[in-house]
Amino acid sequence: LDLTAALHDFHATAALIASLDLVISIDTAVAHLAGSMGKPVWLLVPFVPDWRWLLERDDSPWYPSMRLFRQPSRGAWEQVIGTVLAELTFLGNAPAEALTNKGALLGEHGRHTEALRCYNEALLYRSDIAVTQYNRGNSLSALGCIQEARNAWHRALQLNPRLVEAWHNLAISHRDQGDCKTAHTLLLQALQLRPNDPELQHTRGELFQAEERFEEAIAAFRQSLAVRPGSARTWNSLGTVYQSLEQDPAAEQCYRAALAHDPRHLHARNNLGAVLLSQGRAEEAIPELELLIASHPDYYDGHWNLACALLAAGHWAQGWQAFEYRFLKHSPVEERHQEIPRWDGHRPLADKTVLLVGEQAFGDTLQFVRFIPQLAARGARVILECQAPPLVPLMQGQAGLTDVICRGDAVPPADYRIPLLSLPLLLQTPAETLADLVPYLTPSQDKREQWRIRLADDTRLRVGLCWWGRQTLRNRRRSCPPDLLAPLAALSGISLYRLQLGDDVPAPPYSLVDHTGLIADFSDTAALISCLDLVITIDTAVAHLAGALGVPVWLMLPLTGDWRWMSE
């Protein structure tokens, strides 16, 4: 159709373009006009294009609705026209549906940027197709555009309120952002449409699990498995709930069921190794985890759990090697000051300054500073960076240290850095020599004298007591309800001293000698402990401090303690 006789100016041309579905043009004003109107436009570009069309891309930052069809070589218009012909044939009489289908295929192969362009182009033809908006939301979510994805899913639901998958994805999106209340509301909409859908029930279980409503999570996962009993993913998730409830045998059964349905399920294999370790069966955990990382060497959580199993079983050389994966696992330990070269364990340290970087919890630092004198013995000037101020006064003046700083302080110039818990690997210290390094911390003599005078009138056996830790899922196993320790208070000839800090811990139903109001940092705690005859504690920093001071300490452990306490 030739309507050019009516095209006297760009206004008339724009009016004609507005009524078209697509414009195919060479690099001319018509292309810019169509692009500026948001009209789908296919631009035929020569081998050496104008600067504005850039290089090696088939879209344009100038016009989102534009696609570029480039000559593969100078003058090769035949190939360009052939590509255009194929694309037009593909569009046929239903361009929006065809572009949506093409986008879905691209999305299935992880090519979400290309898929998004297809969906956007499809919406230029028709904006009322719910599945286009739904798929567009999926690609936006995969690209990290969360709010835009939610907007697309909401638009899909405006077009089709019975689109279960859109309700489901919205629920997952809010769950992933920590908004479980909104996620439940959205998921309920999906469940009203498909109450027995196993995938919806699985997500419901995950929501309950995130809220630590474990019994409800179990019920939801069981309901999902009733419909889809072969789901390794759901068996694995059910196992993690049982593990959170400290029902390790039940968790083990779930992980084994998951692996029976899918022997290649990485998380189930990893979790099986972890739950075997948590039951004190480190030697059984090791082959499971070795099998996992043999087939998937980049599965870092497997390496981490293997490290814990190896160390718990006493295989130190291998264990410390694998322990380095703490920097790569899920929720990794931060490896700070990477701008400073890391010491490799071999380079001479004479007259070198080493920054020793404290990591993880206070107890880790208190346990591993024992190796500092070995570094100093190699001629190094050792600077220790502590995680927080309460450690600094205790560490100042300890053997082998040149200086002590706190995280956030200016870092002095250093030749090397070492993450503190990498010292056993780098120094290759045999396990049987660890006792030779104790005691390795000494309290302030002035503070110790103050505590000696304060406790001088107490001639009974002075016993320090600590029973509670931070109530994370991991630490709950470590804590001991203080009422269980009441028989200790009934013993004659014993004074119980409170070493437990914090006001938000359960109070014991018996009296303790309580001087914790005088404790400002670990140097105060160390001075008090040095005046005691015995410390009884759960696995917390107090245990490491008492042990480092050489004070007798009785450590109360759950059925299976942390890797550092080994097994049996």
Protein backbone atom coordinates (compact mmCIF):
# COMPACT_ATOMS: atom_id res chain seq x y z
CA LEU A 1 0.00 0.00 0.00
CA ASP A 2 1.49 3.32 -1.07
CA LEU A 3 0.15 6.22 0.97
CA THR A 4 3.10 8.53 0.48
CA ALA A 5 1.01 10.99 -1.53
CA ALA A 6 -0.71 11.92 1.72
CA LEU A 7 2.49 12.30 3.69
CA HIS A 8 3.20 16.02 3.41
CA ASP A 9 5.05 16.38 6.74
CA PHE A 10 6.25 14.39 9.74
CA HIS A 11 2.92 14.89 11.49
CA ALA A 12 1.21 12.93 8.74
CA THR A 13 3.95 10.31 8.76
CA ALA A 14 3.59 9.92 12.53
CA ALA A 15 -0.17 9.48 12.16
CA LEU A 16 0.39 6.67 9.66
CA ILE A 17 3.05 4.98 11.82
CA ALA A 18 0.67 5.09 14.79
CA SER A 19 -1.71 2.81 12.92
CA LEU A 20 0.97 0.24 12.02
CA ASP A 21 2.07 -2.79 14.00
CA LEU A 22 5.71 -2.63 12.95
CA VAL A 23 8.10 -0.40 11.01
CA ILE A 24 11.05 -1.84 9.09
CA SER A 25 13.51 0.85 8.06
CA ILE A 26 17.07 1.63 7.15
CA ASP A 27 18.93 4.28 9.16
CA THR A 28 16.77 7.29 8.36
CA ALA A 29 14.45 9.76 10.05
CA VAL A 30 11.57 7.29 9.81
CA ALA A 31 13.42 4.94 12.18
CA HIS A 32 13.88 7.73 14.74
CA LEU A 33 10.26 8.81 14.40
CA ALA A 34 8.92 5.28 14.95
CA GLY A 35 11.31 4.72 17.87
CA SER A 36 10.35 8.01 19.52
CA MET A 37 6.69 6.96 19.33
CA GLY A 38 7.45 3.65 21.06
CA LYS A 39 6.38 1.76 17.94
CA PRO A 40 8.12 -1.57 17.22
CA VAL A 41 10.82 -0.76 14.67
CA TRP A 42 13.34 -3.05 13.02
CA LEU A 43 16.37 -1.12 11.87
CA LEU A 44 18.45 -2.50 9.00
CA VAL A 45 22.03 -1.49 9.77
CA PRO A 46 25.06 -1.65 7.42
CA PHE A 47 28.24 -3.47 8.37
CA VAL A 48 29.85 -0.18 9.48
CA PRO A 49 26.98 1.71 11.16
CA ASP A 50 26.59 5.24 12.37
CA TRP A 51 28.07 5.80 15.83
CA ARG A 52 24.66 6.00 17.49
CA TRP A 53 23.89 2.35 16.81
CA LEU A 54 27.01 1.20 18.68
CA LEU A 55 28.54 -2.20 17.92
CA GLU A 56 27.72 -5.88 18.50
CA ARG A 57 24.24 -5.48 19.97
CA ASP A 58 20.75 -5.95 18.60
CA ASP A 59 19.00 -3.31 20.70
CA SER A 60 19.37 0.43 21.10
CA PRO A 61 19.70 2.51 24.27
CA TRP A 62 17.98 5.31 22.36
CA TYR A 63 14.73 3.47 21.58
CA PRO A 64 13.59 0.52 23.74
CA SER A 65 11.16 -0.64 21.04
CA MET A 66 13.89 -0.93 18.40
CA ARG A 67 15.69 -4.07 17.18
CA LEU A 68 18.82 -3.90 15.05
CA PHE A 69 19.48 -6.27 12.17
CA ARG A 70 23.13 -5.86 11.16
CA GLN A 71 25.01 -6.81 8.01
CA PRO A 72 27.46 -9.59 8.87
CA SER A 73 29.83 -8.21 6.21
CA ARG A 74 29.98 -5.18 3.96
CA GLY A 75 27.04 -5.07 1.55
CA ALA A 76 25.48 -8.34 2.76
CA TRP A 77 21.87 -7.15 2.69
CA GLU A 78 20.64 -10.56 1.54
CA GLN A 79 21.42 -12.12 4.90
CA VAL A 80 19.80 -9.21 6.76
CA ILE A 81 16.62 -9.54 4.68
CA GLY A 82 16.65 -13.31 5.21
CA THR A 83 16.73 -12.83 8.97
CA VAL A 84 13.92 -10.26 8.82
CA LEU A 85 11.86 -12.64 6.67
CA ALA A 86 12.29 -15.45 9.19
CA GLU A 87 11.30 -13.19 12.07
CA LEU A 88 8.23 -11.92 10.21
CA THR A 89 7.21 -15.47 9.41
CA PHE A 90 7.56 -16.30 13.09
CA LEU A 91 5.32 -13.40 14.11
CA GLY A 92 2.67 -14.35 11.58
CA ASN A 93 -0.79 -13.20 12.48
CA ALA A 94 -0.25 -13.20 16.28
CA PRO A 95 2.88 -11.16 17.07
CA ALA A 96 2.22 -10.76 20.81
CA GLU A 97 1.69 -14.47 21.39
CA ALA A 98 4.68 -15.38 19.25
CA LEU A 99 6.96 -12.97 21.09
CA THR A 100 5.68 -14.25 24.44
CA ASN A 101 6.46 -17.82 23.44
CA LYS A 102 9.91 -16.82 22.22
CA GLY A 103 10.55 -15.00 25.51
CA ALA A 104 9.50 -18.05 27.50
CA LEU A 105 11.93 -20.23 25.54
CA LEU A 106 14.75 -17.77 26.15
CA GLY A 107 13.87 -17.59 29.82
CA GLU A 108 14.01 -21.36 30.16
CA HIS A 109 17.63 -21.15 28.99
CA GLY A 110 18.49 -18.37 31.42
CA ARG A 111 18.63 -15.65 28.75
CA HIS A 112 16.41 -13.28 30.69
CA THR A 113 17.63 -10.01 29.20
CA GLU A 114 16.69 -11.23 25.74
CA ALA A 115 13.44 -12.69 27.06
CA LEU A 116 12.55 -9.36 28.62
CA ARG A 117 12.98 -7.61 25.29
CA CYS A 118 10.56 -10.10 23.73
CA TYR A 119 7.95 -9.51 26.43
CA ASN A 120 8.31 -5.74 26.17
CA GLU A 121 7.89 -5.92 22.41
CA ALA A 122 4.89 -8.23 22.80
CA LEU A 123 3.22 -5.68 25.08
CA LEU A 124 3.54 -3.07 22.35
CA TYR A 125 1.21 -5.24 20.25
CA ARG A 126 -1.11 -6.34 23.08
CA SER A 127 -1.02 -5.29 26.73
CA ASP A 128 -3.88 -7.53 27.85
CA ILE A 129 -2.20 -10.97 27.87
CA ALA A 130 -1.75 -12.10 31.48
CA VAL A 131 0.89 -14.71 30.71
CA THR A 132 3.07 -12.09 29.03
CA GLN A 133 3.03 -9.98 32.19
CA TYR A 134 3.59 -13.08 34.33
CA ASN A 135 6.58 -14.23 32.29
CA ARG A 136 7.91 -10.70 32.23
CA GLY A 137 7.78 -10.67 36.03
CA ASN A 138 9.74 -13.92 36.14
CA SER A 139 12.53 -12.52 33.98
CA LEU A 140 12.62 -9.26 35.94
CA SER A 141 12.90 -11.25 39.16
CA ALA A 142 15.74 -13.35 37.72
CA LEU A 143 17.52 -10.10 36.82
CA GLY A 144 17.14 -8.77 40.36
CA CYS A 145 14.48 -6.15 39.55
CA ILE A 146 12.23 -7.19 42.42
CA GLN A 147 9.75 -4.31 42.57
CA GLU A 148 9.33 -4.26 38.79
CA ALA A 149 8.74 -8.01 38.90
CA ARG A 150 6.05 -7.60 41.54
CA ASN A 151 4.39 -4.89 39.46
CA ALA A 152 4.31 -7.23 36.46
CA TRP A 153 2.81 -10.08 38.51
CA HIS A 154 0.16 -7.74 39.95
CA ARG A 155 -0.69 -6.59 36.41
CA ALA A 156 -1.00 -10.25 35.36
CA LEU A 157 -3.43 -10.83 38.23
CA GLN A 158 -5.48 -7.82 37.23
CA LEU A 159 -5.87 -9.50 33.85
CA ASN A 160 -6.39 -12.99 35.29
CA PRO A 161 -7.06 -13.21 39.07
CA ARG A 162 -6.98 -17.03 38.86
CA LEU A 163 -3.35 -17.16 37.73
CA VAL A 164 -2.06 -19.25 40.64
CA GLU A 165 1.58 -19.00 39.61
CA ALA A 166 1.52 -15.20 39.89
CA TRP A 167 0.10 -15.34 43.44
CA HIS A 168 2.76 -17.92 44.27
CA ASN A 169 5.67 -15.92 42.89
CA LEU A 170 4.50 -12.81 44.71
CA ALA A 171 4.42 -14.80 47.95
CA ILE A 172 7.94 -16.12 47.36
CA SER A 173 9.18 -12.63 46.54
CA HIS A 174 7.89 -11.24 49.84
CA ARG A 175 9.19 -14.25 51.77
CA ASP A 176 12.67 -13.73 50.31
CA GLN A 177 12.56 -10.13 51.56
CA GLY A 178 11.62 -11.29 55.07
CA ASP A 179 7.97 -10.23 54.87
CA CYS A 180 6.36 -13.51 55.87
CA LYS A 181 3.06 -11.91 56.88
CA THR A 182 2.42 -10.56 53.37
CA ALA A 183 3.72 -13.79 51.87
CA HIS A 184 1.15 -15.82 53.84
CA THR A 185 -1.67 -13.55 52.63
CA LEU A 186 -0.62 -13.93 49.01
CA LEU A 187 -0.06 -17.66 49.29
CA LEU A 188 -3.52 -18.09 50.77
CA GLN A 189 -4.97 -16.63 47.57
CA ALA A 190 -3.14 -19.31 45.58
CA LEU A 191 -4.18 -22.09 47.97
CA GLN A 192 -7.84 -21.12 47.70
CA LEU A 193 -7.55 -21.84 43.99
CA ARG A 194 -5.42 -25.01 44.37
CA PRO A 195 -5.55 -26.26 47.98
CA ASN A 196 -3.71 -29.51 47.32
CA ASP A 197 -0.99 -28.17 45.06
CA PRO A 198 2.26 -29.74 46.37
CA GLU A 199 4.41 -26.78 45.33
CA LEU A 200 2.17 -24.34 47.19
CA GLN A 201 2.22 -26.53 50.27
CA HIS A 202 6.01 -26.72 50.03
CA THR A 203 6.26 -22.94 50.01
CA ARG A 204 3.83 -22.81 52.93
CA GLY A 205 6.16 -25.12 54.82
CA GLU A 206 9.10 -22.84 54.05
CA LEU A 207 7.18 -19.85 55.38
CA PHE A 208 6.34 -21.60 58.62
CA GLN A 209 9.95 -22.71 58.92
CA ALA A 210 11.20 -19.13 58.46
CA GLU A 211 8.90 -18.09 61.31
CA GLU A 212 10.12 -21.02 63.45
CA ARG A 213 6.58 -22.46 63.50
CA PHE A 214 8.11 -25.86 63.10
CA GLU A 215 5.14 -28.13 63.80
CA GLU A 216 3.07 -26.27 61.19
CA ALA A 217 5.99 -26.49 58.77
CA ILE A 218 6.12 -30.26 59.25
CA ALA A 219 2.39 -30.53 58.54
CA ALA A 220 2.70 -28.46 55.35
CA PHE A 221 5.68 -30.44 54.05
CA ARG A 222 3.89 -33.70 54.88
CA GLN A 223 0.83 -32.50 52.97
CA SER A 224 3.04 -31.72 49.98
CA LEU A 225 4.63 -35.17 50.17
CA ALA A 226 1.23 -36.83 50.35
CA VAL A 227 0.61 -35.57 46.82
CA ARG A 228 4.20 -35.70 45.57
CA PRO A 229 6.02 -38.38 47.61
CA GLY A 230 9.01 -38.48 45.28
CA SER A 231 10.10 -34.87 45.84
CA ALA A 232 13.67 -34.94 47.09
CA ARG A 233 13.47 -31.18 47.62
CA THR A 234 10.56 -31.47 50.03
CA TRP A 235 12.09 -34.42 51.89
CA ASN A 236 15.24 -32.34 52.33
CA SER A 237 13.29 -29.33 53.60
CA LEU A 238 11.38 -31.53 56.05
CA GLY A 239 14.70 -32.83 57.31
CA THR A 240 15.95 -29.32 58.03
CA VAL A 241 12.86 -28.68 60.18
CA TYR A 242 13.46 -31.82 62.22
CA GLN A 243 17.09 -30.79 62.60
CA SER A 244 16.01 -27.38 63.91
CA LEU A 245 13.89 -29.23 66.48
CA GLU A 246 16.98 -31.28 67.43
CA GLN A 247 15.23 -34.43 66.22
CA ASP A 248 18.33 -35.60 64.40
CA PRO A 249 17.28 -39.23 63.76
CA ALA A 250 14.09 -38.03 62.05
CA ALA A 251 16.12 -35.51 60.04
CA GLU A 252 18.51 -38.26 58.96
CA GLN A 253 15.60 -40.38 57.73
CA CYS A 254 14.32 -37.46 55.65
CA TYR A 255 17.70 -36.81 54.04
CA ARG A 256 18.09 -40.48 53.21
CA ALA A 257 14.60 -40.47 51.68
CA ALA A 258 15.57 -37.45 49.58
CA LEU A 259 18.68 -39.22 48.33
CA ALA A 260 16.72 -42.39 47.61
CA HIS A 261 14.59 -40.35 45.20
CA ASP A 262 17.49 -38.28 43.86
CA PRO A 263 21.03 -39.46 44.69
CA ARG A 264 22.40 -36.29 43.10
CA HIS A 265 20.55 -33.91 45.43
CA LEU A 266 23.43 -31.79 46.72
CA HIS A 267 21.73 -30.18 49.70
CA ALA A 268 20.38 -33.49 50.97
CA ARG A 269 23.83 -35.10 50.78
CA ASN A 270 25.38 -32.13 52.53
CA ASN A 271 22.68 -32.09 55.20
CA LEU A 272 23.04 -35.82 55.75
CA GLY A 273 26.73 -35.30 56.46
CA ALA A 274 25.90 -32.45 58.84
CA VAL A 275 23.25 -34.40 60.76
CA LEU A 276 25.53 -37.42 61.09
CA LEU A 277 28.14 -35.10 62.54
CA SER A 278 25.60 -33.57 64.93
CA GLN A 279 24.88 -37.09 66.21
CA GLY A 280 28.56 -37.65 66.96
CA ARG A 281 29.09 -39.87 63.92
CA ALA A 282 31.88 -37.87 62.31
CA GLU A 283 33.52 -40.90 60.70
CA GLU A 284 30.22 -41.74 58.95
CA ALA A 285 29.77 -38.14 57.85
CA ILE A 286 33.19 -37.94 56.18
CA PRO A 287 32.55 -40.38 53.26
CA GLU A 288 29.16 -38.80 52.54
CA LEU A 289 30.74 -35.36 52.27
CA GLU A 290 33.71 -36.63 50.31
CA LEU A 291 31.29 -38.21 47.82
CA LEU A 292 29.52 -34.86 47.53
CA ILE A 293 32.57 -32.74 46.80
CA ALA A 294 34.13 -35.35 44.51
CA SER A 295 31.23 -34.81 42.11
CA HIS A 296 30.76 -31.11 42.87
CA PRO A 297 34.08 -29.59 43.96
CA ASP A 298 32.61 -26.08 43.86
CA TYR A 299 29.93 -26.92 46.44
CA TYR A 300 31.62 -24.99 49.22
CA ASP A 301 29.20 -25.82 52.02
CA GLY A 302 30.16 -29.45 51.51
CA HIS A 303 33.83 -28.59 52.02
CA TRP A 304 32.94 -26.65 55.16
CA ASN A 305 30.97 -29.51 56.71
CA LEU A 306 33.75 -31.90 55.73
CA ALA A 307 36.21 -29.65 57.57
CA CYS A 308 34.09 -29.81 60.72
CA ALA A 309 33.76 -33.60 60.44
CA LEU A 310 37.48 -34.11 59.86
CA LEU A 311 38.44 -31.89 62.80
CA ALA A 312 35.86 -33.53 65.06
CA ALA A 313 37.29 -36.94 64.13
CA GLY A 314 40.85 -35.76 64.83
CA HIS A 315 42.06 -35.67 61.20
CA TRP A 316 43.74 -32.32 61.68
CA ALA A 317 45.93 -31.99 58.60
CA GLN A 318 43.03 -32.54 56.20
CA GLY A 319 40.60 -30.69 58.46
CA TRP A 320 42.55 -27.44 58.56
CA GLN A 321 42.97 -27.51 54.78
CA ALA A 322 39.21 -27.82 54.30
CA PHE A 323 38.59 -25.24 57.04
CA GLU A 324 39.73 -22.53 54.61
CA TYR A 325 36.39 -22.93 52.84
CA ARG A 326 34.83 -20.89 55.64
CA PHE A 327 35.50 -17.88 53.41
CA LEU A 328 33.51 -19.37 50.50
CA LYS A 329 30.60 -21.19 52.12
CA HIS A 330 27.05 -19.90 52.48
CA SER A 331 27.12 -17.05 55.03
CA PRO A 332 30.90 -16.88 54.65
CA VAL A 333 33.33 -15.58 57.20
CA GLU A 334 34.51 -12.17 56.05
CA GLU A 335 38.13 -12.20 54.90
CA ARG A 336 39.24 -8.72 55.83
CA HIS A 337 42.13 -6.60 54.57
CA GLN A 338 42.66 -8.49 51.35
CA GLU A 339 44.74 -5.58 50.06
CA ILE A 340 47.53 -6.87 52.34
CA PRO A 341 49.32 -9.99 51.05
CA ARG A 342 48.38 -13.12 52.93
CA TRP A 343 51.24 -15.03 54.54
CA ASP A 344 51.66 -18.46 52.97
CA GLY A 345 53.31 -20.21 55.91
CA HIS A 346 56.73 -20.33 54.22
CA ARG A 347 58.06 -16.82 53.66
CA PRO A 348 60.54 -15.59 56.30
CA LEU A 349 58.96 -13.41 58.98
CA ALA A 350 62.09 -11.89 60.48
CA ASP A 351 61.61 -8.13 60.81
CA LYS A 352 58.22 -8.39 59.09
CA THR A 353 54.96 -6.95 60.42
CA VAL A 354 52.04 -9.35 60.45
CA LEU A 355 48.43 -8.26 60.88
CA LEU A 356 46.58 -11.04 62.65
CA VAL A 357 42.87 -10.63 61.93
CA GLY A 358 40.39 -11.79 64.58
CA GLU A 359 37.33 -13.49 63.15
CA GLN A 360 34.01 -15.02 64.09
CA ALA A 361 33.07 -15.00 67.79
CA PHE A 362 34.94 -13.91 70.92
CA GLY A 363 35.59 -17.54 71.85
CA ASP A 364 37.36 -18.15 68.55
CA THR A 365 39.80 -15.34 69.25
CA LEU A 366 40.37 -16.45 72.83
CA GLN A 367 41.05 -20.01 71.64
CA PHE A 368 43.39 -19.22 68.76
CA VAL A 369 45.59 -16.42 70.12
CA ARG A 370 47.59 -19.27 71.70
CA PHE A 371 49.57 -19.48 68.45
CA ILE A 372 50.80 -15.87 68.54
CA PRO A 373 54.07 -16.60 70.39
CA GLN A 374 55.01 -19.02 67.59
CA LEU A 375 54.71 -16.20 65.06
CA ALA A 376 56.73 -13.89 67.27
CA ALA A 377 59.38 -16.59 67.66
CA ARG A 378 59.92 -16.39 63.88
CA GLY A 379 60.90 -12.74 64.27
CA ALA A 380 57.56 -11.19 63.31
CA ARG A 381 56.07 -8.05 64.77
CA VAL A 382 52.50 -9.17 65.41
CA ILE A 383 49.55 -6.78 65.41
CA LEU A 384 46.22 -8.28 66.48
CA GLU A 385 42.96 -6.81 65.20
CA CYS A 386 40.16 -7.72 67.64
CA GLN A 387 36.54 -7.95 66.56
CA ALA A 388 35.19 -5.60 69.26
CA PRO A 389 36.38 -3.35 72.13
CA PRO A 390 35.71 -5.82 75.00
CA LEU A 391 38.66 -7.96 73.84
CA VAL A 392 41.23 -5.19 73.48
CA PRO A 393 42.23 -4.54 77.15
CA LEU A 394 42.80 -8.25 77.77
CA MET A 395 44.95 -8.69 74.67
CA GLN A 396 47.16 -5.66 75.31
CA GLY A 397 50.45 -6.80 76.75
CA GLN A 398 49.94 -10.50 76.02
CA ALA A 399 53.02 -12.47 75.00
CA GLY A 400 54.16 -12.08 71.40
CA LEU A 401 52.02 -9.05 70.55
CA THR A 402 53.50 -5.77 69.36
CA ASP A 403 50.19 -3.93 69.20
CA VAL A 404 46.44 -4.50 69.54
CA ILE A 405 43.81 -2.62 67.55
CA CYS A 406 40.04 -2.92 67.24
CA ARG A 407 38.05 -3.48 64.08
CA GLY A 408 37.35 -0.06 62.62
CA ASP A 409 40.63 1.46 63.85
CA ALA A 410 43.26 2.66 61.38
CA VAL A 411 45.37 -0.33 60.32
CA PRO A 412 49.14 0.18 60.66
CA PRO A 413 51.33 -0.74 57.67
CA ALA A 414 51.85 -4.50 57.49
CA ASP A 415 53.81 -6.86 55.27
CA TYR A 416 51.41 -9.77 55.66
CA ARG A 417 48.00 -10.59 57.06
CA ILE A 418 46.74 -13.84 58.53
CA PRO A 419 43.13 -14.74 59.42
CA LEU A 420 43.45 -15.87 63.03
CA LEU A 421 41.88 -19.31 62.57
CA SER A 422 44.25 -20.12 59.71
CA LEU A 423 47.22 -20.28 62.10
CA PRO A 424 46.99 -24.06 62.81
CA LEU A 425 47.18 -24.74 59.07
CA LEU A 426 50.03 -22.34 58.40
CA LEU A 427 52.07 -23.26 61.48
CA GLN A 428 51.30 -27.00 61.14
CA THR A 429 50.99 -27.35 64.89
CA PRO A 430 50.47 -31.00 65.94
CA ALA A 431 47.35 -31.61 68.02
CA GLU A 432 49.33 -33.38 70.73
CA THR A 433 51.36 -30.24 71.46
CA LEU A 434 48.41 -27.93 72.11
CA ALA A 435 48.48 -28.51 75.87
CA ASP A 436 52.08 -27.30 75.95
CA LEU A 437 50.87 -23.81 74.98
CA VAL A 438 48.58 -23.39 78.03
CA PRO A 439 48.30 -21.06 79.87
CA TYR A 440 48.77 -18.42 77.23
CA LEU A 441 46.73 -15.52 78.63
CA THR A 442 47.49 -13.63 81.83
CA PRO A 443 45.18 -11.18 83.59
CA SER A 444 46.13 -7.67 84.55
CA GLN A 445 48.04 -7.96 87.82
CA ASP A 446 46.40 -4.83 89.19
CA LYS A 447 42.90 -6.10 88.42
CA ARG A 448 43.74 -9.56 89.73
CA GLU A 449 44.88 -8.06 93.00
CA GLN A 450 41.64 -6.11 93.29
CA TRP A 451 39.64 -9.30 92.83
CA ARG A 452 41.90 -11.21 95.26
CA ILE A 453 41.16 -8.66 97.96
CA ARG A 454 37.46 -8.63 97.13
CA LEU A 455 37.20 -12.44 97.45
CA ALA A 456 39.69 -12.88 100.28
CA ASP A 457 37.08 -13.59 102.98
CA ASP A 458 35.54 -16.44 100.98
CA THR A 459 37.41 -19.55 102.11
CA ARG A 460 35.07 -22.02 100.43
CA LEU A 461 35.62 -23.60 97.02
CA ARG A 462 34.98 -20.74 94.61
CA VAL A 463 33.17 -21.95 91.49
CA GLY A 464 32.25 -19.73 88.53
CA LEU A 465 29.04 -20.54 86.67
CA CYS A 466 27.87 -19.70 83.14
CA TRP A 467 24.77 -21.34 81.64
CA TRP A 468 23.36 -19.38 78.70
CA GLY A 469 24.34 -18.29 75.19
CA ARG A 470 22.79 -16.17 72.48
CA GLN A 471 19.57 -17.88 71.42
CA THR A 472 20.28 -18.61 67.78
CA LEU A 473 19.18 -21.99 66.45
CA ARG A 474 22.74 -23.21 66.77
CA ASN A 475 23.30 -21.89 70.30
CA ARG A 476 20.08 -23.22 71.77
CA ARG A 477 21.65 -26.64 71.98
CA ARG A 478 24.50 -25.21 74.01
CA SER A 479 22.45 -23.43 76.67
CA CYS A 480 21.51 -25.12 79.94
CA PRO A 481 18.39 -24.09 81.90
CA PRO A 482 19.78 -22.71 85.17
CA ASP A 483 17.28 -24.57 87.35
CA LEU A 484 19.00 -27.81 86.36
CA LEU A 485 22.11 -26.55 88.14
CA ALA A 486 20.26 -26.04 91.43
CA PRO A 487 21.81 -29.16 93.06
CA LEU A 488 25.19 -27.42 92.86
CA ALA A 489 23.89 -24.64 95.07
CA ALA A 490 22.86 -27.18 97.70
CA LEU A 491 26.41 -28.46 98.14
CA SER A 492 28.21 -27.40 101.28
CA GLY A 493 31.59 -25.77 101.20
CA ILE A 494 31.03 -24.18 97.76
CA SER A 495 30.43 -20.59 96.69
CA LEU A 496 28.88 -20.15 93.25
CA TYR A 497 29.99 -17.03 91.38
CA ARG A 498 27.96 -15.69 88.51
CA LEU A 499 29.99 -15.32 85.31
CA GLN A 500 26.88 -15.06 83.15
CA LEU A 501 26.48 -11.58 81.69
CA GLY A 502 23.33 -9.99 80.34
CA ASP A 503 19.92 -9.16 81.74
CA ASP A 504 17.92 -11.11 79.16
CA VAL A 505 18.91 -14.58 80.37
CA PRO A 506 16.84 -16.88 82.60
CA ALA A 507 17.64 -16.26 86.25
CA PRO A 508 18.60 -19.19 88.47
CA PRO A 509 16.21 -20.08 91.34
CA TYR A 510 19.08 -19.93 93.83
CA SER A 511 21.50 -17.29 95.00
CA LEU A 512 24.87 -16.62 93.41
CA VAL A 513 27.71 -14.32 94.32
CA ASP A 514 27.18 -11.68 91.69
CA HIS A 515 29.95 -9.20 90.87
CA THR A 516 29.04 -8.90 87.19
CA GLY A 517 28.22 -5.22 87.68
CA LEU A 518 31.97 -4.68 88.04
CA ILE A 519 32.79 -6.40 84.73
CA ALA A 520 33.31 -4.01 81.81
CA ASP A 521 35.34 -6.21 79.45
CA PHE A 522 37.21 -9.50 79.16
CA SER A 523 40.15 -8.22 81.19
CA ASP A 524 37.82 -7.88 84.19
CA THR A 525 36.36 -11.36 83.60
CA ALA A 526 39.87 -12.80 83.30
CA ALA A 527 40.95 -11.23 86.58
CA LEU A 528 37.88 -12.62 88.39
CA ILE A 529 38.28 -16.11 86.90
CA SER A 530 41.95 -16.17 87.92
CA CYS A 531 40.79 -15.92 91.54
CA LEU A 532 38.38 -18.85 91.26
CA ASP A 533 39.10 -22.51 91.93
CA LEU A 534 36.89 -23.88 89.15
CA VAL A 535 34.69 -22.71 86.29
CA ILE A 536 31.62 -24.70 85.18
CA THR A 537 30.25 -23.42 81.90
CA ILE A 538 28.52 -24.21 78.65
CA ASP A 539 30.35 -23.78 75.35
CA THR A 540 30.87 -20.03 75.37
CA ALA A 541 33.70 -17.50 75.51
CA VAL A 542 34.00 -18.00 79.27
CA ALA A 543 35.12 -21.60 78.67
CA HIS A 544 37.90 -20.49 76.33
CA LEU A 545 38.97 -17.72 78.68
CA ALA A 546 39.19 -20.00 81.70
CA GLY A 547 41.08 -22.61 79.70
CA ALA A 548 43.50 -20.01 78.31
CA LEU A 549 44.22 -18.82 81.88
CA GLY A 550 44.92 -22.37 83.00
CA VAL A 551 42.04 -22.33 85.49
CA PRO A 552 40.26 -25.69 85.87
CA VAL A 553 37.15 -25.62 83.74
CA TRP A 554 34.34 -28.16 83.40
CA LEU A 555 32.64 -27.78 80.06
CA MET A 556 28.99 -28.82 79.73
CA LEU A 557 28.31 -29.93 76.16
CA PRO A 558 25.16 -31.00 74.34
CA LEU A 559 24.93 -34.51 72.94
CA THR A 560 27.22 -33.40 70.15
CA GLY A 561 29.40 -30.36 70.67
CA ASP A 562 31.12 -28.07 68.24
CA TRP A 563 33.86 -29.55 66.06
CA ARG A 564 36.56 -28.14 68.32
CA TRP A 565 35.59 -30.44 71.20
CA MET A 566 36.04 -33.45 68.90
CA SER A 567 33.93 -36.55 69.48
CA GLU A 568 33.62 -39.07 72.32
